[in-house]
Protein backbone atom coordinates (compact mmCIF):
# COMPACT_ATOMS: atom_id res chain seq x y z
CA MET A 1 89.88 21.45 42.69
CA HIS A 2 94.03 20.21 43.54
CA LEU A 3 95.38 18.64 45.82
CA ASP A 4 99.00 20.24 47.24
CA ILE A 5 101.64 18.21 49.05
CA SER A 6 104.55 19.68 50.97
CA ILE A 7 107.41 17.69 52.39
CA SER A 8 108.90 19.92 54.79
CA ASP A 9 105.62 20.74 56.11
CA GLN A 10 104.22 16.68 55.64
CA GLN A 11 100.79 18.01 54.84
CA LEU A 12 98.42 17.55 51.80
CA TYR A 13 96.28 20.52 51.20
CA VAL A 14 93.24 20.63 48.73
CA ILE A 15 93.42 23.95 47.26
CA GLU A 16 90.69 25.09 46.06
CA ASN A 17 90.45 29.00 43.63
CA GLY A 18 94.10 29.76 45.30
CA ILE A 19 91.77 28.98 49.41
CA ILE A 20 92.96 25.99 51.35
CA GLN A 21 90.58 24.05 52.10
CA MET A 22 91.88 21.17 53.83
CA SER A 23 94.36 20.26 55.39
CA TYR A 24 95.72 16.33 56.58
CA PRO A 25 98.95 15.24 57.60
CA VAL A 26 101.12 12.39 55.45
CA SER A 27 103.78 10.88 55.98
CA THR A 28 106.68 10.96 52.84
CA ALA A 29 109.66 8.79 52.33
CA LYS A 30 112.50 8.32 54.46
CA ASN A 31 114.57 8.68 51.64
CA GLY A 32 113.49 13.16 50.68
CA PRO A 33 112.96 13.71 47.51
CA GLY A 34 113.90 12.26 44.44
CA GLU A 35 112.26 10.59 40.85
CA LEU A 36 114.77 8.19 40.65
CA MET A 37 113.18 4.48 39.91
CA GLY A 38 114.53 2.53 43.12
CA SER A 39 115.44 5.52 44.97
CA GLU A 40 112.33 4.85 47.22
CA CYS A 41 112.13 8.19 46.94
CA THR A 42 108.88 10.61 46.59
CA PRO A 43 109.14 12.26 43.53
CA ILE A 44 108.55 16.10 43.33
CA GLY A 45 107.19 17.88 40.24
CA LYS A 46 103.87 17.81 38.54
CA HIS A 47 101.15 14.71 39.05
CA LYS A 48 97.52 13.72 38.14
CA VAL A 49 95.34 10.99 39.94
CA ARG A 50 95.53 8.30 37.79
CA ALA A 51 93.12 6.65 39.26
CA LYS A 52 91.15 5.35 42.74
CA ILE A 53 91.04 2.16 43.89
CA GLY A 54 89.05 -0.16 46.86
CA SER A 55 85.66 2.41 46.48
CA GLY A 56 83.95 1.10 48.95
CA LEU A 57 85.88 -1.01 51.02
CA PRO A 58 86.13 -1.07 54.83
CA LEU A 59 88.65 0.85 56.44
CA ASN A 60 92.24 -0.50 56.75
CA ALA A 61 91.29 -2.98 53.95
CA VAL A 62 95.23 -4.03 53.22
CA PHE A 63 96.02 -4.03 49.56
CA LYS A 64 99.01 -5.54 47.68
CA ALA A 65 99.36 -4.80 43.78
CA ARG A 66 96.16 -2.54 44.11
CA ARG A 67 94.31 -5.44 44.63
CA PRO A 68 92.82 -5.79 48.29
CA THR A 69 93.16 -8.98 50.03
CA GLY A 70 90.32 -9.96 52.11
CA GLU A 71 92.49 -9.50 55.53
CA ILE A 72 91.65 -5.98 57.37
CA TYR A 73 95.12 -4.77 59.14
CA SER A 74 94.94 -5.33 63.52
CA PRO A 75 97.84 -5.42 65.27
CA GLU A 76 97.92 -8.94 64.84
CA LEU A 77 98.41 -9.21 60.86
CA ALA A 78 101.04 -6.75 61.60
CA ARG A 79 103.41 -9.27 64.27
CA GLN A 80 102.34 -11.94 61.52
CA PHE A 81 103.89 -9.77 59.17
CA PRO A 82 106.24 -7.40 60.06
CA GLU A 83 108.18 -7.06 56.89
CA ARG A 84 105.05 -5.45 54.82
CA ASP A 85 104.85 -2.44 53.66
CA TRP A 86 101.05 -1.98 54.52
CA ILE A 87 98.67 0.08 51.87
CA LEU A 88 95.38 0.34 53.62
CA THR A 89 91.81 1.43 52.80
CA ARG A 90 92.36 4.23 49.84
CA ILE A 91 95.39 3.45 46.92
CA LEU A 92 94.67 6.98 44.40
CA TRP A 93 97.79 5.85 41.94
CA LEU A 94 100.10 9.14 40.79
CA GLY A 95 101.24 9.40 36.73
CA GLY A 96 103.90 12.65 36.55
CA LEU A 97 103.67 15.22 34.39
CA GLU A 98 106.39 16.93 33.08
CA PRO A 99 108.97 14.21 30.89
CA GLY A 100 111.73 13.28 32.11
CA LYS A 101 111.15 14.64 36.01
CA ASN A 102 109.29 12.44 36.36
CA ARG A 103 107.48 10.88 33.24
CA TYR A 104 109.12 8.69 31.64
CA GLY A 105 112.06 6.07 31.85
CA GLN A 106 113.37 5.78 34.92
CA VAL A 107 111.86 8.63 36.67
CA ASP A 108 108.32 8.07 35.77
CA THR A 109 105.72 8.47 39.03
CA ALA A 110 102.96 5.57 38.01
CA TRP A 111 105.38 2.85 37.35
CA ARG A 112 106.99 2.70 40.54
CA TYR A 113 104.07 2.70 41.56
CA ILE A 114 104.11 6.06 43.52
CA TYR A 115 100.76 6.14 45.66
CA ILE A 116 98.16 8.53 48.24
CA HIS A 117 97.14 6.07 50.67
CA GLY A 118 96.08 4.64 53.81
CA SER A 119 98.40 2.92 56.98
CA PRO A 120 99.23 1.69 59.53
CA ASP A 121 97.53 4.90 62.18
CA GLU A 122 100.52 4.78 64.31
CA PHE A 123 103.17 5.16 61.77
CA MET A 124 102.08 8.98 61.42
CA ASP A 125 103.42 10.31 63.46
CA GLY A 126 105.08 13.28 61.87
CA ILE A 127 107.69 11.50 60.40
CA PRO A 128 109.42 10.47 56.75
CA ARG A 129 109.07 7.02 56.82
CA SER A 130 107.78 5.65 53.59
CA HIS A 131 109.00 4.05 50.50
CA GLY A 132 107.88 6.62 48.21
CA CYS A 133 104.39 7.20 48.55
CA ILE A 134 102.81 9.37 50.66
CA ARG A 135 101.22 7.65 53.28
CA MET A 136 97.63 9.06 55.02
CA LEU A 137 95.41 8.37 58.40
CA ASN A 138 92.58 5.92 56.53
CA ALA A 139 89.62 7.87 57.83
CA ASP A 140 91.51 11.10 56.21
CA ILE A 141 92.41 9.01 52.98
CA ALA A 142 88.94 7.89 52.61
CA ALA A 143 87.51 11.35 53.20
CA LEU A 144 90.09 12.68 50.38
CA PHE A 145 88.57 9.71 47.52
CA ASP A 146 85.12 10.49 48.04
CA LEU A 147 86.15 14.13 47.20
CA ILE A 148 88.39 14.10 44.69
CA ARG A 149 87.76 13.08 41.18
CA PRO A 150 90.97 11.09 38.94
CA GLY A 151 93.05 13.24 36.85
CA ILE A 152 93.21 16.48 40.08
CA GLU A 153 96.60 17.53 39.92
CA VAL A 154 98.79 17.07 42.37
CA THR A 155 101.60 19.44 43.23
CA ILE A 156 104.14 17.40 44.92
CA SER A 157 107.06 20.33 46.70
CA ALA A 158 110.39 20.21 48.85
């Protein structure tokens, strides 16, 4: 099993034996594809899930620096913190597998803290809006989280 993410389709595909088993809508970077540190772009190429974070937490649990804050996202919380980049429910932390392209130095996906993570569901409208991460609906990231294991390959294409 592996994951394919299409930036052009704004979809994540779960592939097994060459067959799409599931697909989920995603939102990738508003700045498009790219690997450079600070670019706020979604990195392309081959990656792996280096860590799964958030097992057992409720839907809409809020994370900051990969740690649950104890908050649960709500419209009221969003109004209280309008500038927050919401990371919710679960985190699949990606690590690049291609030295010089998305691993090491100024292009390292893990050092850029690129995740597949939950987002406020109202932001999931098919439009690329993230700061580089791959955003998903909260129920979808919870389901995907339970389906995959650390180390699974993730290919991101433009």
